[in-house]
C-alpha atoms as a PDB file:
ATOM      1  CA  ASP A   1       0.000   0.000   0.000  1.00  0.00           C
ATOM      2  CA  GLY A   2       2.948   2.306   0.592  1.00  0.00           C
ATOM      3  CA  PHE A   3       3.861   2.180  -3.077  1.00  0.00           C
ATOM      4  CA  ILE A   4       0.647   3.925  -4.062  1.00  0.00           C
ATOM      5  CA  LEU A   5       0.768   6.660  -1.412  1.00  0.00           C
ATOM      6  CA  PRO A   6       2.141   9.193  -3.949  1.00  0.00           C
ATOM      7  CA  ILE A   7      -0.799   8.329  -6.214  1.00  0.00           C
ATOM      8  CA  TYR A   8      -3.198   8.991  -3.318  1.00  0.00           C
ATOM      9  CA  MET A   9      -1.505  12.348  -2.744  1.00  0.00           C
ATOM     10  CA  MET A  10      -1.908  13.346  -6.395  1.00  0.00           C
ATOM     11  CA  LEU A  11      -5.492  12.071  -6.463  1.00  0.00           C
ATOM     12  CA  PHE A  12      -6.453  14.124  -3.408  1.00  0.00           C
ATOM     13  CA  ALA A  13      -4.706  17.197  -4.831  1.00  0.00           C
ATOM     14  CA  ILE A  14      -6.713  16.857  -8.048  1.00  0.00           C
ATOM     15  CA  ASN A  15      -9.899  16.431  -6.000  1.00  0.00           C
ATOM     16  CA  SER A  16      -9.107  19.696  -4.199  1.00  0.00           C
ATOM     17  CA  PHE A  17      -8.411  21.350  -7.554  1.00  0.00           C
ATOM     18  CA  LEU A  18     -11.804  20.241  -8.898  1.00  0.00           C
ATOM     19  CA  GLN A  19     -13.507  21.556  -5.769  1.00  0.00           C
ATOM     20  CA  ALA A  20     -11.689  24.876  -6.147  1.00  0.00           C
ATOM     21  CA  LEU A  21     -13.046  25.136  -9.700  1.00  0.00           C
ATOM     22  CA  LYS A  22     -16.559  24.640  -8.271  1.00  0.00           C
ATOM     23  CA  ARG A  23     -16.935  21.137  -9.753  1.00  0.00           C
ATOM     24  CA  PRO A  24     -17.256  18.956  -6.618  1.00  0.00           C
ATOM     25  CA  ILE A  25     -19.609  16.485  -8.325  1.00  0.00           C
ATOM     26  CA  TRP A  26     -16.631  15.088 -10.248  1.00  0.00           C
ATOM     27  CA  THR A  27     -14.852  14.415  -6.967  1.00  0.00           C
ATOM     28  CA  PHE A  28     -17.919  12.497  -5.809  1.00  0.00           C
ATOM     29  CA  TRP A  29     -18.143  10.324  -8.940  1.00  0.00           C
ATOM     30  CA  ILE A  30     -14.415   9.613  -9.021  1.00  0.00           C
ATOM     31  CA  GLY A  31     -14.641   8.579  -5.359  1.00  0.00           C
ATOM     32  CA  VAL A  32     -17.613   6.301  -6.049  1.00  0.00           C
ATOM     33  CA  TYR A  33     -15.710   4.684  -8.898  1.00  0.00           C
ATOM     34  CA  ARG A  34     -12.502   4.291  -6.914  1.00  0.00           C
ATOM     35  CA  GLN A  35     -14.037   3.031  -3.674  1.00  0.00           C
ATOM     36  CA  ALA A  36     -16.914   0.919  -5.003  1.00  0.00           C
ATOM     37  CA  PHE A  37     -16.917  -0.131  -8.629  1.00  0.00           C
ATOM     38  CA  GLY A  38     -13.174  -0.091  -9.229  1.00  0.00           C
ATOM     39  CA  VAL A  39     -12.288  -2.048  -6.106  1.00  0.00           C
ATOM     40  CA  ALA A  40     -15.028  -4.650  -6.657  1.00  0.00           C
ATOM     41  CA  PHE A  41     -14.184  -5.087 -10.333  1.00  0.00           C
ATOM     42  CA  PHE A  42     -10.409  -5.259 -10.052  1.00  0.00           C
ATOM     43  CA  VAL A  43     -10.423  -7.451  -6.941  1.00  0.00           C
ATOM     44  CA  TYR A  44     -12.731  -9.842  -8.785  1.00  0.00           C
ATOM     45  CA  VAL A  45     -10.426  -9.863 -11.808  1.00  0.00           C
ATOM     46  CA  TYR A  46      -7.269 -10.483  -9.792  1.00  0.00           C
ATOM     47  CA  VAL A  47      -8.718 -12.969  -7.287  1.00  0.00           C
ATOM     48  CA  MET A  48     -11.288 -14.913  -9.293  1.00  0.00           C
ATOM     49  CA  LEU A  49      -9.956 -14.748 -12.845  1.00  0.00           C
ATOM     50  CA  PHE A  50      -6.215 -14.718 -12.168  1.00  0.00           C
ATOM     51  CA  GLY A  51      -6.430 -16.782  -8.959  1.00  0.00           C
ATOM     52  CA  SER A  52      -3.945 -14.618  -7.087  1.00  0.00           C
ATOM     53  CA  GLY A  53      -5.538 -14.903  -3.619  1.00  0.00           C
ATOM     54  CA  VAL A  54      -4.921 -12.282  -0.950  1.00  0.00           C
ATOM     55  CA  ILE A  55      -2.283 -10.463  -2.970  1.00  0.00           C
ATOM     56  CA  GLY A  56      -4.951 -10.025  -5.648  1.00  0.00           C
ATOM     57  CA  VAL A  57      -6.966  -7.947  -3.192  1.00  0.00           C
ATOM     58  CA  TRP A  58      -3.997  -5.612  -2.749  1.00  0.00           C
ATOM     59  CA  PHE A  59      -3.413  -5.414  -6.493  1.00  0.00           C
ATOM     60  CA  GLY A  60      -7.128  -4.792  -7.041  1.00  0.00           C
ATOM     61  CA  ILE A  61      -7.143  -1.882  -4.621  1.00  0.00           C
ATOM     62  CA  ALA A  62      -3.953  -0.475  -6.142  1.00  0.00           C
ATOM     63  CA  THR A  63      -5.355  -0.777  -9.664  1.00  0.00           C
ATOM     64  CA  ALA A  64      -8.574   0.956  -8.606  1.00  0.00           C
ATOM     65  CA  VAL A  65      -6.594   3.828  -7.079  1.00  0.00           C
ATOM     66  CA  VAL A  66      -4.276   4.227 -10.072  1.00  0.00           C
ATOM     67  CA  SER A  67      -7.145   4.072 -12.575  1.00  0.00           C
ATOM     68  CA  GLY A  68      -9.104   6.580 -10.453  1.00  0.00           C
ATOM     69  CA  TRP A  69      -6.086   8.873 -10.559  1.00  0.00           C
ATOM     70  CA  LEU A  70      -5.896   8.572 -14.358  1.00  0.00           C
ATOM     71  CA  ILE A  71      -9.616   9.298 -14.671  1.00  0.00           C
ATOM     72  CA  SER A  72      -9.228  12.318 -12.392  1.00  0.00           C
ATOM     73  CA  LEU A  73      -6.393  13.632 -14.578  1.00  0.00           C
ATOM     74  CA  VAL A  74      -8.604  13.414 -17.665  1.00  0.00           C
ATOM     75  CA  VAL A  75     -11.520  15.063 -15.868  1.00  0.00           C
ATOM     76  CA  ALA A  76      -9.305  17.802 -14.405  1.00  0.00           C
ATOM     77  CA  GLU A  77      -7.947  18.609 -17.858  1.00  0.00           C
ATOM     78  CA  ALA A  78     -11.459  18.756 -19.320  1.00  0.00           C
ATOM     79  CA  VAL A  79     -12.698  21.016 -16.515  1.00  0.00           C
ATOM     80  CA  ALA A  80      -9.590  23.221 -16.518  1.00  0.00           C
ATOM     81  CA  ARG A  81      -9.497  23.841 -20.264  1.00  0.00           C
ATOM     82  CA  PRO A  82     -12.416  26.318 -20.447  1.00  0.00           C
ATOM     83  CA  THR A  83     -11.637  27.814 -17.040  1.00  0.00           C
ATOM     84  CA  ILE A  84      -7.868  28.335 -16.985  1.00  0.00           C
ATOM     85  CA  GLY A  85      -6.774  27.143 -20.424  1.00  0.00           C
ATOM     86  CA  GLY A  86      -6.000  23.549 -19.447  1.00  0.00           C
ATOM     87  CA  LEU A  87      -3.384  21.786 -17.393  1.00  0.00           C
ATOM     88  CA  TRP A  88      -0.864  20.896 -20.078  1.00  0.00           C
ATOM     89  CA  ARG A  89      -0.724  23.892 -22.413  1.00  0.00           C
ATOM     90  CA  ARG A  90       2.227  26.214 -22.213  1.00  0.00           C
ATOM     91  CA  ARG A  91       1.612  29.889 -22.201  1.00  0.00           C
ATOM     92  CA  GLU A  92       3.025  31.682 -25.163  1.00  0.00           C
ATOM     93  CA  ALA A  93       5.548  34.368 -24.375  1.00  0.00           C
ATOM     94  CA  THR A  94       4.235  37.880 -24.747  1.00  0.00           C
ATOM     95  CA  GLY A  95       6.314  40.817 -25.679  1.00  0.00           C
END
């Protein structure tokens, strides 16, 4: 679980960013995905389909967190583009 702590940190920072842009509903849906659907789905895949036992539970949780982080990056970019010009665009030099 310690290996994904930096992912948690980035995920929570993006959640705060979305709340600052007055889009808290995205934080809610990403949380529902990460804590309910993602965990159930990926734990099932690792434990039942791959037969990895208890370690599959850990990998399922980690996969749910990482995929939730990736989804939050996509959502944050989509929300930030009309508001602040996006997350990834460089500002052109003026003058």
